[in-house]
Amino acid sequence: MSKKNDHNPKLILNVTDVEVAQTRSIPPRSFVIASGEARTNATSPRLVRCALPSIPETLQLDLEADDGPLPVITKVTAAYEIEGPHAFRQVTVHAETNSMSREVPPGEKAK
């Protein structure tokens, strides 16, 4: 986990879990599912490509949400589909106060 990221003001407070899954369909589809906590009554949680400089073989995503009307801690989950063949060996999801990475080994077992 890393320290605070300042590149995206819509980042949620922190990432608590990141999973990478692949379907059994032909062709297989890969998904990143991330969960975390937001400081506000977050709406529309989503994973979006990160604006930070790219790292070879790493898919960098921001876990962000829109601010809701109430100042409370809210649990959020978002998914991101990795379209088509990819060369990613790692996924990193960024939040305001931390980041979490997971390896994506070649031939990942379907979940």
PDB file of N, CA and C in Angstrom:
ATOM      1  N   MET A   1       0.839  -1.171   0.000  1.00  0.00           N
ATOM      2  CA  MET A   1       0.000   0.000   0.000  1.00  0.00           C
ATOM      3  C   MET A   1       0.889   1.241   0.000  1.00  0.00           C
ATOM      4  N   SER A   2       0.409   2.273  -0.631  1.00  0.00           N
ATOM      5  CA  SER A   2       1.199   3.486  -0.703  1.00  0.00           C
ATOM      6  C   SER A   2       0.512   4.611   0.051  1.00  0.00           C
ATOM      7  N   LYS A   3       1.206   5.737   0.129  1.00  0.00           N
ATOM      8  CA  LYS A   3       0.635   6.876   0.827  1.00  0.00           C
ATOM      9  C   LYS A   3      -0.379   7.606  -0.036  1.00  0.00           C
ATOM     10  N   LYS A   4      -0.882   8.721   0.455  1.00  0.00           N
ATOM     11  CA  LYS A   4      -1.955   9.481  -0.188  1.00  0.00           C
ATOM     12  C   LYS A   4      -1.630   9.849  -1.632  1.00  0.00           C
ATOM     13  N   ASN A   5      -2.652   9.741  -2.489  1.00  0.00           N
ATOM     14  CA  ASN A   5      -2.556  10.143  -3.888  1.00  0.00           C
ATOM     15  C   ASN A   5      -3.334  11.438  -4.074  1.00  0.00           C
ATOM     16  N   ASP A   6      -2.716  12.436  -4.726  1.00  0.00           N
ATOM     17  CA  ASP A   6      -3.363  13.733  -4.919  1.00  0.00           C
ATOM     18  C   ASP A   6      -3.773  13.983  -6.363  1.00  0.00           C
ATOM     19  N   HIS A   7      -3.671  13.011  -7.245  1.00  0.00           N
ATOM     20  CA  HIS A   7      -3.919  13.236  -8.665  1.00  0.00           C
ATOM     21  C   HIS A   7      -5.387  13.228  -9.049  1.00  0.00           C
ATOM     22  N   ASN A   8      -6.291  12.771  -8.188  1.00  0.00           N
ATOM     23  CA  ASN A   8      -7.704  12.670  -8.547  1.00  0.00           C
ATOM     24  C   ASN A   8      -8.565  13.056  -7.351  1.00  0.00           C
ATOM     25  N   PRO A   9      -9.283  14.185  -7.422  1.00  0.00           N
ATOM     26  CA  PRO A   9     -10.088  14.632  -6.272  1.00  0.00           C
ATOM     27  C   PRO A   9     -11.323  13.773  -5.995  1.00  0.00           C
ATOM     28  N   LYS A  10     -11.718  12.887  -6.918  1.00  0.00           N
ATOM     29  CA  LYS A  10     -12.895  12.046  -6.691  1.00  0.00           C
ATOM     30  C   LYS A  10     -12.539  10.693  -6.073  1.00  0.00           C
ATOM     31  N   LEU A  11     -11.265  10.449  -5.754  1.00  0.00           N
ATOM     32  CA  LEU A  11     -10.874   9.178  -5.164  1.00  0.00           C
ATOM     33  C   LEU A  11     -11.627   8.934  -3.862  1.00  0.00           C
ATOM     34  N   ILE A  12     -12.023   7.681  -3.638  1.00  0.00           N
ATOM     35  CA  ILE A  12     -12.640   7.346  -2.358  1.00  0.00           C
ATOM     36  C   ILE A  12     -11.557   7.340  -1.279  1.00  0.00           C
ATOM     37  N   LEU A  13     -11.945   7.222  -0.013  1.00  0.00           N
ATOM     38  CA  LEU A  13     -11.006   7.304   1.105  1.00  0.00           C
ATOM     39  C   LEU A  13      -9.942   6.212   1.067  1.00  0.00           C
ATOM     40  N   ASN A  14     -10.355   4.930   0.976  1.00  0.00           N
ATOM     41  CA  ASN A  14      -9.360   3.863   0.940  1.00  0.00           C
ATOM     42  C   ASN A  14      -9.898   2.629   0.223  1.00  0.00           C
ATOM     43  N   VAL A  15      -8.961   1.851  -0.284  1.00  0.00           N
ATOM     44  CA  VAL A  15      -9.263   0.583  -0.940  1.00  0.00           C
ATOM     45  C   VAL A  15      -9.094  -0.506   0.107  1.00  0.00           C
ATOM     46  N   THR A  16     -10.086  -1.398   0.229  1.00  0.00           N
ATOM     47  CA  THR A  16      -9.983  -2.474   1.213  1.00  0.00           C
ATOM     48  C   THR A  16      -9.789  -3.848   0.581  1.00  0.00           C
ATOM     49  N   ASP A  17     -10.153  -3.993  -0.715  1.00  0.00           N
ATOM     50  CA  ASP A  17      -9.994  -5.281  -1.366  1.00  0.00           C
ATOM     51  C   ASP A  17      -9.967  -5.100  -2.876  1.00  0.00           C
ATOM     52  N   VAL A  18      -9.143  -5.902  -3.536  1.00  0.00           N
ATOM     53  CA  VAL A  18      -9.081  -5.943  -5.002  1.00  0.00           C
ATOM     54  C   VAL A  18      -9.023  -7.400  -5.425  1.00  0.00           C
ATOM     55  N   GLU A  19      -9.897  -7.784  -6.351  1.00  0.00           N
ATOM     56  CA  GLU A  19      -9.921  -9.138  -6.894  1.00  0.00           C
ATOM     57  C   GLU A  19      -9.831  -9.053  -8.410  1.00  0.00           C
ATOM     58  N   VAL A  20      -9.180 -10.039  -9.016  1.00  0.00           N
ATOM     59  CA  VAL A  20      -9.133 -10.158 -10.462  1.00  0.00           C
ATOM     60  C   VAL A  20      -9.772 -11.501 -10.803  1.00  0.00           C
ATOM     61  N   ALA A  21     -10.775 -11.483 -11.674  1.00  0.00           N
ATOM     62  CA  ALA A  21     -11.498 -12.706 -12.027  1.00  0.00           C
ATOM     63  C   ALA A  21     -11.590 -12.830 -13.537  1.00  0.00           C
ATOM     64  N   GLN A  22     -11.724 -14.066 -14.001  1.00  0.00           N
ATOM     65  CA  GLN A  22     -11.862 -14.326 -15.428  1.00  0.00           C
ATOM     66  C   GLN A  22     -13.039 -15.279 -15.623  1.00  0.00           C
ATOM     67  N   THR A  23     -13.863 -14.991 -16.630  1.00  0.00           N
ATOM     68  CA  THR A  23     -15.008 -15.856 -16.903  1.00  0.00           C
ATOM     69  C   THR A  23     -14.547 -17.093 -17.653  1.00  0.00           C
ATOM     70  N   ARG A  24     -15.410 -18.097 -17.707  1.00  0.00           N
ATOM     71  CA  ARG A  24     -15.112 -19.326 -18.437  1.00  0.00           C
ATOM     72  C   ARG A  24     -15.585 -19.235 -19.887  1.00  0.00           C
ATOM     73  N   SER A  25     -16.137 -18.105 -20.295  1.00  0.00           N
ATOM     74  CA  SER A  25     -16.658 -17.960 -21.653  1.00  0.00           C
ATOM     75  C   SER A  25     -15.529 -17.995 -22.686  1.00  0.00           C
ATOM     76  N   ILE A  26     -15.907 -18.170 -23.934  1.00  0.00           N
ATOM     77  CA  ILE A  26     -14.943 -18.153 -25.034  1.00  0.00           C
ATOM     78  C   ILE A  26     -15.274 -16.943 -25.891  1.00  0.00           C
ATOM     79  N   PRO A  27     -14.437 -15.962 -26.066  1.00  0.00           N
ATOM     80  CA  PRO A  27     -13.178 -15.823 -25.331  1.00  0.00           C
ATOM     81  C   PRO A  27     -13.432 -15.422 -23.880  1.00  0.00           C
ATOM     82  N   PRO A  28     -12.481 -15.715 -22.991  1.00  0.00           N
ATOM     83  CA  PRO A  28     -12.660 -15.343 -21.589  1.00  0.00           C
ATOM     84  C   PRO A  28     -12.682 -13.824 -21.436  1.00  0.00           C
ATOM     85  N   ARG A  29     -13.433 -13.368 -20.441  1.00  0.00           N
ATOM     86  CA  ARG A  29     -13.463 -11.944 -20.107  1.00  0.00           C
ATOM     87  C   ARG A  29     -12.852 -11.784 -18.729  1.00  0.00           C
ATOM     88  N   SER A  30     -12.023 -10.751 -18.557  1.00  0.00           N
ATOM     89  CA  SER A  30     -11.375 -10.488 -17.275  1.00  0.00           C
ATOM     90  C   SER A  30     -12.009  -9.270 -16.613  1.00  0.00           C
ATOM     91  N   PHE A  31     -12.119  -9.324 -15.277  1.00  0.00           N
ATOM     92  CA  PHE A  31     -12.716  -8.243 -14.511  1.00  0.00           C
ATOM     93  C   PHE A  31     -11.857  -7.923 -13.297  1.00  0.00           C
ATOM     94  N   VAL A  32     -11.821  -6.650 -12.923  1.00  0.00           N
ATOM     95  CA  VAL A  32     -11.221  -6.199 -11.672  1.00  0.00           C
ATOM     96  C   VAL A  32     -12.386  -5.730 -10.806  1.00  0.00           C
ATOM     97  N   ILE A  33     -12.475  -6.245  -9.575  1.00  0.00           N
ATOM     98  CA  ILE A  33     -13.515  -5.835  -8.638  1.00  0.00           C
ATOM     99  C   ILE A  33     -12.815  -5.259  -7.418  1.00  0.00           C
ATOM    100  N   ALA A  34     -13.133  -4.014  -7.090  1.00  0.00           N
ATOM    101  CA  ALA A  34     -12.489  -3.346  -5.963  1.00  0.00           C
ATOM    102  C   ALA A  34     -13.530  -2.843  -4.986  1.00  0.00           C
ATOM    103  N   SER A  35     -13.210  -2.924  -3.692  1.00  0.00           N
ATOM    104  CA  SER A  35     -14.083  -2.420  -2.631  1.00  0.00           C
ATOM    105  C   SER A  35     -13.296  -1.461  -1.772  1.00  0.00           C
ATOM    106  N   GLY A  36     -14.018  -0.556  -1.116  1.00  0.00           N
ATOM    107  CA  GLY A  36     -13.349   0.390  -0.242  1.00  0.00           C
ATOM    108  C   GLY A  36     -14.344   1.197   0.552  1.00  0.00           C
ATOM    109  N   GLU A  37     -13.861   2.272   1.168  1.00  0.00           N
ATOM    110  CA  GLU A  37     -14.692   3.152   1.978  1.00  0.00           C
ATOM    111  C   GLU A  37     -14.565   4.579   1.462  1.00  0.00           C
ATOM    112  N   ALA A  38     -15.704   5.267   1.386  1.00  0.00           N
ATOM    113  CA  ALA A  38     -15.734   6.661   0.973  1.00  0.00           C
ATOM    114  C   ALA A  38     -16.130   7.520   2.164  1.00  0.00           C
ATOM    115  N   ARG A  39     -15.669   8.760   2.181  1.00  0.00           N
ATOM    116  CA  ARG A  39     -15.977   9.671   3.283  1.00  0.00           C
ATOM    117  C   ARG A  39     -17.393  10.212   3.219  1.00  0.00           C
ATOM    118  N   THR A  40     -17.997  10.175   2.074  1.00  0.00           N
ATOM    119  CA  THR A  40     -19.323  10.761   1.906  1.00  0.00           C
ATOM    120  C   THR A  40     -20.313   9.672   1.538  1.00  0.00           C
ATOM    121  N   ASN A  41     -21.560  10.016   1.482  1.00  0.00           N
ATOM    122  CA  ASN A  41     -22.575   9.077   1.013  1.00  0.00           C
ATOM    123  C   ASN A  41     -22.352   8.930  -0.493  1.00  0.00           C
ATOM    124  N   ALA A  42     -21.361   8.146  -0.856  1.00  0.00           N
ATOM    125  CA  ALA A  42     -20.885   8.047  -2.226  1.00  0.00           C
ATOM    126  C   ALA A  42     -21.934   7.477  -3.168  1.00  0.00           C
ATOM    127  N   THR A  43     -21.963   8.023  -4.373  1.00  0.00           N
ATOM    128  CA  THR A  43     -22.845   7.525  -5.409  1.00  0.00           C
ATOM    129  C   THR A  43     -22.013   7.202  -6.637  1.00  0.00           C
ATOM    130  N   SER A  44     -22.487   6.283  -7.441  1.00  0.00           N
ATOM    131  CA  SER A  44     -21.836   5.899  -8.707  1.00  0.00           C
ATOM    132  C   SER A  44     -20.372   5.492  -8.540  1.00  0.00           C
ATOM    133  N   PRO A  45     -20.061   4.542  -7.635  1.00  0.00           N
ATOM    134  CA  PRO A  45     -18.668   4.104  -7.537  1.00  0.00           C
ATOM    135  C   PRO A  45     -18.230   3.467  -8.848  1.00  0.00           C
ATOM    136  N   ARG A  46     -16.978   3.694  -9.225  1.00  0.00           N
ATOM    137  CA  ARG A  46     -16.479   3.178 -10.495  1.00  0.00           C
ATOM    138  C   ARG A  46     -14.964   3.081 -10.468  1.00  0.00           C
ATOM    139  N   LEU A  47     -14.455   2.209 -11.319  1.00  0.00           N
ATOM    140  CA  LEU A  47     -13.023   2.106 -11.561  1.00  0.00           C
ATOM    141  C   LEU A  47     -12.753   2.739 -12.915  1.00  0.00           C
ATOM    142  N   VAL A  48     -11.804   3.663 -12.957  1.00  0.00           N
ATOM    143  CA  VAL A  48     -11.451   4.345 -14.197  1.00  0.00           C
ATOM    144  C   VAL A  48      -9.940   4.289 -14.380  1.00  0.00           C
ATOM    145  N   ARG A  49      -9.499   4.357 -15.625  1.00  0.00           N
ATOM    146  CA  ARG A  49      -8.062   4.376 -15.890  1.00  0.00           C
ATOM    147  C   ARG A  49      -7.430   5.552 -15.160  1.00  0.00           C
ATOM    148  N   CYS A  50      -6.311   5.308 -14.538  1.00  0.00           N
ATOM    149  CA  CYS A  50      -5.582   6.296 -13.756  1.00  0.00           C
ATOM    150  C   CYS A  50      -4.840   7.265 -14.672  1.00  0.00           C
ATOM    151  N   ALA A  51      -4.766   8.530 -14.268  1.00  0.00           N
ATOM    152  CA  ALA A  51      -4.070   9.546 -15.049  1.00  0.00           C
ATOM    153  C   ALA A  51      -2.562   9.568 -14.769  1.00  0.00           C
ATOM    154  N   LEU A  52      -2.103   8.784 -13.798  1.00  0.00           N
ATOM    155  CA  LEU A  52      -0.667   8.733 -13.508  1.00  0.00           C
ATOM    156  C   LEU A  52       0.084   8.129 -14.686  1.00  0.00           C
ATOM    157  N   PRO A  53       1.384   8.422 -14.808  1.00  0.00           N
ATOM    158  CA  PRO A  53       2.166   7.809 -15.889  1.00  0.00           C
ATOM    159  C   PRO A  53       2.063   6.285 -15.822  1.00  0.00           C
ATOM    160  N   SER A  54       1.970   5.652 -16.989  1.00  0.00           N
ATOM    161  CA  SER A  54       1.799   4.199 -17.014  1.00  0.00           C
ATOM    162  C   SER A  54       3.072   3.474 -16.608  1.00  0.00           C
ATOM    163  N   ILE A  55       2.874   2.285 -16.092  1.00  0.00           N
ATOM    164  CA  ILE A  55       3.959   1.381 -15.727  1.00  0.00           C
ATOM    165  C   ILE A  55       3.797   0.167 -16.629  1.00  0.00           C
ATOM    166  N   PRO A  56       4.864  -0.280 -17.291  1.00  0.00           N
ATOM    167  CA  PRO A  56       4.718  -1.423 -18.200  1.00  0.00           C
ATOM    168  C   PRO A  56       4.072  -2.623 -17.502  1.00  0.00           C
ATOM    169  N   GLU A  57       3.133  -3.261 -18.194  1.00  0.00           N
ATOM    170  CA  GLU A  57       2.441  -4.468 -17.745  1.00  0.00           C
ATOM    171  C   GLU A  57       1.599  -4.275 -16.487  1.00  0.00           C
ATOM    172  N   THR A  58       1.298  -3.008 -16.126  1.00  0.00           N
ATOM    173  CA  THR A  58       0.459  -2.734 -14.964  1.00  0.00           C
ATOM    174  C   THR A  58      -0.739  -1.901 -15.393  1.00  0.00           C
ATOM    175  N   LEU A  59      -1.924  -2.375 -15.064  1.00  0.00           N
ATOM    176  CA  LEU A  59      -3.155  -1.628 -15.289  1.00  0.00           C
ATOM    177  C   LEU A  59      -3.407  -0.818 -14.028  1.00  0.00           C
ATOM    178  N   GLN A  60      -3.358   0.513 -14.134  1.00  0.00           N
ATOM    179  CA  GLN A  60      -3.590   1.379 -12.982  1.00  0.00           C
ATOM    180  C   GLN A  60      -4.991   1.957 -13.075  1.00  0.00           C
ATOM    181  N   LEU A  61      -5.772   1.747 -12.014  1.00  0.00           N
ATOM    182  CA  LEU A  61      -7.149   2.214 -11.959  1.00  0.00           C
ATOM    183  C   LEU A  61      -7.358   3.076 -10.729  1.00  0.00           C
ATOM    184  N   ASP A  62      -8.241   4.069 -10.840  1.00  0.00           N
ATOM    185  CA  ASP A  62      -8.671   4.866  -9.692  1.00  0.00           C
ATOM    186  C   ASP A  62     -10.043   4.380  -9.269  1.00  0.00           C
ATOM    187  N   LEU A  63     -10.244   4.191  -7.963  1.00  0.00           N
ATOM    188  CA  LEU A  63     -11.566   3.877  -7.423  1.00  0.00           C
ATOM    189  C   LEU A  63     -12.146   5.204  -6.963  1.00  0.00           C
ATOM    190  N   GLU A  64     -13.139   5.693  -7.711  1.00  0.00           N
ATOM    191  CA  GLU A  64     -13.700   6.999  -7.420  1.00  0.00           C
ATOM    192  C   GLU A  64     -15.217   6.911  -7.309  1.00  0.00           C
ATOM    193  N   ALA A  65     -15.811   7.973  -6.765  1.00  0.00           N
ATOM    194  CA  ALA A  65     -17.261   8.051  -6.619  1.00  0.00           C
ATOM    195  C   ALA A  65     -17.646   9.526  -6.558  1.00  0.00           C
ATOM    196  N   ASP A  66     -18.914   9.787  -6.842  1.00  0.00           N
ATOM    197  CA  ASP A  66     -19.440  11.146  -6.706  1.00  0.00           C
ATOM    198  C   ASP A  66     -19.867  11.358  -5.268  1.00  0.00           C
ATOM    199  N   ASP A  67     -19.820  12.618  -4.809  1.00  0.00           N
ATOM    200  CA  ASP A  67     -20.219  12.946  -3.444  1.00  0.00           C
ATOM    201  C   ASP A  67     -21.724  12.954  -3.315  1.00  0.00           C
ATOM    202  N   GLY A  68     -22.200  12.303  -2.271  1.00  0.00           N
ATOM    203  CA  GLY A  68     -23.618  12.332  -1.955  1.00  0.00           C
ATOM    204  C   GLY A  68     -23.894  13.462  -0.980  1.00  0.00           C
ATOM    205  N   PRO A  69     -25.136  13.615  -0.525  1.00  0.00           N
ATOM    206  CA  PRO A  69     -25.500  14.747   0.325  1.00  0.00           C
ATOM    207  C   PRO A  69     -25.101  14.614   1.799  1.00  0.00           C
ATOM    208  N   LEU A  70     -24.751  13.410   2.269  1.00  0.00           N
ATOM    209  CA  LEU A  70     -24.468  13.226   3.692  1.00  0.00           C
ATOM    210  C   LEU A  70     -23.010  12.907   3.948  1.00  0.00           C
ATOM    211  N   PRO A  71     -22.395  13.533   4.970  1.00  0.00           N
ATOM    212  CA  PRO A  71     -20.998  13.255   5.301  1.00  0.00           C
ATOM    213  C   PRO A  71     -20.861  12.034   6.207  1.00  0.00           C
ATOM    214  N   VAL A  72     -20.865  10.830   5.622  1.00  0.00           N
ATOM    215  CA  VAL A  72     -20.719   9.588   6.376  1.00  0.00           C
ATOM    216  C   VAL A  72     -19.725   8.686   5.660  1.00  0.00           C
ATOM    217  N   ILE A  73     -19.220   7.674   6.369  1.00  0.00           N
ATOM    218  CA  ILE A  73     -18.359   6.673   5.732  1.00  0.00           C
ATOM    219  C   ILE A  73     -19.275   5.648   5.065  1.00  0.00           C
ATOM    220  N   THR A  74     -19.058   5.402   3.780  1.00  0.00           N
ATOM    221  CA  THR A  74     -19.889   4.505   2.988  1.00  0.00           C
ATOM    222  C   THR A  74     -19.024   3.436   2.362  1.00  0.00           C
ATOM    223  N   LYS A  75     -19.469   2.192   2.399  1.00  0.00           N
ATOM    224  CA  LYS A  75     -18.754   1.117   1.709  1.00  0.00           C
ATOM    225  C   LYS A  75     -19.185   1.116   0.249  1.00  0.00           C
ATOM    226  N   VAL A  76     -18.206   0.984  -0.650  1.00  0.00           N
ATOM    227  CA  VAL A  76     -18.494   0.992  -2.088  1.00  0.00           C
ATOM    228  C   VAL A  76     -17.764  -0.159  -2.762  1.00  0.00           C
ATOM    229  N   THR A  77     -18.305  -0.634  -3.876  1.00  0.00           N
ATOM    230  CA  THR A  77     -17.673  -1.662  -4.697  1.00  0.00           C
ATOM    231  C   THR A  77     -17.877  -1.278  -6.149  1.00  0.00           C
ATOM    232  N   ALA A  78     -16.849  -1.504  -6.966  1.00  0.00           N
ATOM    233  CA  ALA A  78     -16.936  -1.200  -8.392  1.00  0.00           C
ATOM    234  C   ALA A  78     -16.218  -2.282  -9.174  1.00  0.00           C
ATOM    235  N   ALA A  79     -16.612  -2.452 -10.428  1.00  0.00           N
ATOM    236  CA  ALA A  79     -15.984  -3.456 -11.305  1.00  0.00           C
ATOM    237  C   ALA A  79     -15.479  -2.781 -12.566  1.00  0.00           C
ATOM    238  N   TYR A  80     -14.459  -3.361 -13.171  1.00  0.00           N
ATOM    239  CA  TYR A  80     -13.864  -2.859 -14.395  1.00  0.00           C
ATOM    240  C   TYR A  80     -13.573  -4.055 -15.291  1.00  0.00           C
ATOM    241  N   GLU A  81     -14.041  -4.016 -16.528  1.00  0.00           N
ATOM    242  CA  GLU A  81     -13.788  -5.116 -17.455  1.00  0.00           C
ATOM    243  C   GLU A  81     -12.540  -4.804 -18.262  1.00  0.00           C
ATOM    244  N   ILE A  82     -11.631  -5.766 -18.318  1.00  0.00           N
ATOM    245  CA  ILE A  82     -10.440  -5.652 -19.157  1.00  0.00           C
ATOM    246  C   ILE A  82     -10.825  -6.238 -20.501  1.00  0.00           C
ATOM    247  N   GLU A  83     -10.959  -5.395 -21.499  1.00  0.00           N
ATOM    248  CA  GLU A  83     -11.459  -5.834 -22.799  1.00  0.00           C
ATOM    249  C   GLU A  83     -10.352  -6.449 -23.649  1.00  0.00           C
ATOM    250  N   GLY A  84     -10.699  -7.559 -24.299  1.00  0.00           N
ATOM    251  CA  GLY A  84      -9.799  -8.206 -25.256  1.00  0.00           C
ATOM    252  C   GLY A  84      -8.533  -8.739 -24.626  1.00  0.00           C
ATOM    253  N   PRO A  85      -7.634  -9.233 -25.468  1.00  0.00           N
ATOM    254  CA  PRO A  85      -6.347  -9.732 -24.970  1.00  0.00           C
ATOM    255  C   PRO A  85      -5.579  -8.594 -24.304  1.00  0.00           C
ATOM    256  N   HIS A  86      -4.859  -8.921 -23.266  1.00  0.00           N
ATOM    257  CA  HIS A  86      -4.105  -7.879 -22.568  1.00  0.00           C
ATOM    258  C   HIS A  86      -2.751  -8.424 -22.128  1.00  0.00           C
ATOM    259  N   ALA A  87      -1.834  -7.505 -21.842  1.00  0.00           N
ATOM    260  CA  ALA A  87      -0.498  -7.885 -21.397  1.00  0.00           C
ATOM    261  C   ALA A  87      -0.275  -7.492 -19.939  1.00  0.00           C
ATOM    262  N   PHE A  88      -1.348  -7.229 -19.207  1.00  0.00           N
ATOM    263  CA  PHE A  88      -1.200  -6.807 -17.818  1.00  0.00           C
ATOM    264  C   PHE A  88      -0.791  -7.979 -16.942  1.00  0.00           C
ATOM    265  N   ARG A  89       0.204  -7.752 -16.115  1.00  0.00           N
ATOM    266  CA  ARG A  89       0.635  -8.751 -15.136  1.00  0.00           C
ATOM    267  C   ARG A  89       0.243  -8.322 -13.731  1.00  0.00           C
ATOM    268  N   GLN A  90      -0.192  -7.065 -13.622  1.00  0.00           N
ATOM    269  CA  GLN A  90      -0.559  -6.534 -12.313  1.00  0.00           C
ATOM    270  C   GLN A  90      -1.652  -5.483 -12.489  1.00  0.00           C
ATOM    271  N   VAL A  91      -2.503  -5.376 -11.468  1.00  0.00           N
ATOM    272  CA  VAL A  91      -3.522  -4.335 -11.404  1.00  0.00           C
ATOM    273  C   VAL A  91      -3.279  -3.564 -10.118  1.00  0.00           C
ATOM    274  N   THR A  92      -3.264  -2.232 -10.201  1.00  0.00           N
ATOM    275  CA  THR A  92      -3.145  -1.382  -9.027  1.00  0.00           C
ATOM    276  C   THR A  92      -4.360  -0.472  -8.986  1.00  0.00           C
ATOM    277  N   VAL A  93      -5.058  -0.467  -7.842  1.00  0.00           N
ATOM    278  CA  VAL A  93      -6.226   0.386  -7.652  1.00  0.00           C
ATOM    279  C   VAL A  93      -5.864   1.449  -6.623  1.00  0.00           C
ATOM    280  N   HIS A  94      -6.114   2.714  -6.979  1.00  0.00           N
ATOM    281  CA  HIS A  94      -5.759   3.852  -6.126  1.00  0.00           C
ATOM    282  C   HIS A  94      -6.984   4.414  -5.416  1.00  0.00           C
ATOM    283  N   ALA A  95      -6.791   4.808  -4.158  1.00  0.00           N
ATOM    284  CA  ALA A  95      -7.780   5.556  -3.389  1.00  0.00           C
ATOM    285  C   ALA A  95      -7.068   6.794  -2.852  1.00  0.00           C
ATOM    286  N   GLU A  96      -7.757   7.599  -2.065  1.00  0.00           N
ATOM    287  CA  GLU A  96      -7.154   8.828  -1.553  1.00  0.00           C
ATOM    288  C   GLU A  96      -5.967   8.545  -0.630  1.00  0.00           C
ATOM    289  N   THR A  97      -6.111   7.579   0.281  1.00  0.00           N
ATOM    290  CA  THR A  97      -5.075   7.358   1.291  1.00  0.00           C
ATOM    291  C   THR A  97      -4.214   6.125   1.062  1.00  0.00           C
ATOM    292  N   ASN A  98      -4.563   5.287   0.071  1.00  0.00           N
ATOM    293  CA  ASN A  98      -3.758   4.094  -0.162  1.00  0.00           C
ATOM    294  C   ASN A  98      -3.958   3.578  -1.573  1.00  0.00           C
ATOM    295  N   SER A  99      -3.194   2.563  -1.921  1.00  0.00           N
ATOM    296  CA  SER A  99      -3.325   1.837  -3.180  1.00  0.00           C
ATOM    297  C   SER A  99      -3.190   0.355  -2.856  1.00  0.00           C
ATOM    298  N   MET A 100      -3.768  -0.493  -3.706  1.00  0.00           N
ATOM    299  CA  MET A 100      -3.664  -1.931  -3.506  1.00  0.00           C
ATOM    300  C   MET A 100      -3.408  -2.575  -4.856  1.00  0.00           C
ATOM    301  N   SER A 101      -2.467  -3.521  -4.895  1.00  0.00           N
ATOM    302  CA  SER A 101      -2.108  -4.196  -6.141  1.00  0.00           C
ATOM    303  C   SER A 101      -2.368  -5.686  -6.044  1.00  0.00           C
ATOM    304  N   ARG A 102      -2.691  -6.284  -7.176  1.00  0.00           N
ATOM    305  CA  ARG A 102      -2.852  -7.729  -7.292  1.00  0.00           C
ATOM    306  C   ARG A 102      -2.190  -8.162  -8.596  1.00  0.00           C
ATOM    307  N   GLU A 103      -1.540  -9.315  -8.547  1.00  0.00           N
ATOM    308  CA  GLU A 103      -0.941  -9.876  -9.741  1.00  0.00           C
ATOM    309  C   GLU A 103      -2.000 -10.520 -10.618  1.00  0.00           C
ATOM    310  N   VAL A 104      -1.788 -10.473 -11.927  1.00  0.00           N
ATOM    311  CA  VAL A 104      -2.668 -11.125 -12.885  1.00  0.00           C
ATOM    312  C   VAL A 104      -1.792 -12.124 -13.635  1.00  0.00           C
ATOM    313  N   PRO A 105      -1.613 -13.333 -13.094  1.00  0.00           N
ATOM    314  CA  PRO A 105      -0.732 -14.290 -13.746  1.00  0.00           C
ATOM    315  C   PRO A 105      -1.323 -14.766 -15.079  1.00  0.00           C
ATOM    316  N   PRO A 106      -0.464 -15.086 -16.044  1.00  0.00           N
ATOM    317  CA  PRO A 106      -0.977 -15.608 -17.327  1.00  0.00           C
ATOM    318  C   PRO A 106      -1.769 -16.886 -17.072  1.00  0.00           C
ATOM    319  N   GLY A 107      -2.864 -17.061 -17.811  1.00  0.00           N
ATOM    320  CA  GLY A 107      -3.665 -18.266 -17.647  1.00  0.00           C
ATOM    321  C   GLY A 107      -4.383 -18.324 -16.332  1.00  0.00           C
ATOM    322  N   GLU A 108      -4.760 -17.145 -15.779  1.00  0.00           N
ATOM    323  CA  GLU A 108      -5.480 -17.076 -14.510  1.00  0.00           C
ATOM    324  C   GLU A 108      -6.679 -18.001 -14.530  1.00  0.00           C
ATOM    325  N   LYS A 109      -6.879 -18.766 -13.476  1.00  0.00           N
ATOM    326  CA  LYS A 109      -8.020 -19.669 -13.355  1.00  0.00           C
ATOM    327  C   LYS A 109      -9.308 -18.882 -13.269  1.00  0.00           C
ATOM    328  N   ALA A 110     -10.331 -19.361 -13.901  1.00  0.00           N
ATOM    329  CA  ALA A 110     -11.639 -18.709 -13.869  1.00  0.00           C
ATOM    330  C   ALA A 110     -12.220 -18.807 -12.470  1.00  0.00           C
ATOM    331  N   LYS A 111     -12.940 -17.760 -12.063  1.00  0.00           N
ATOM    332  CA  LYS A 111     -13.578 -17.743 -10.736  1.00  0.00           C
ATOM    333  C   LYS A 111     -15.059 -17.582 -10.918  1.00  0.00           C
TER     334      LYS A 111
END
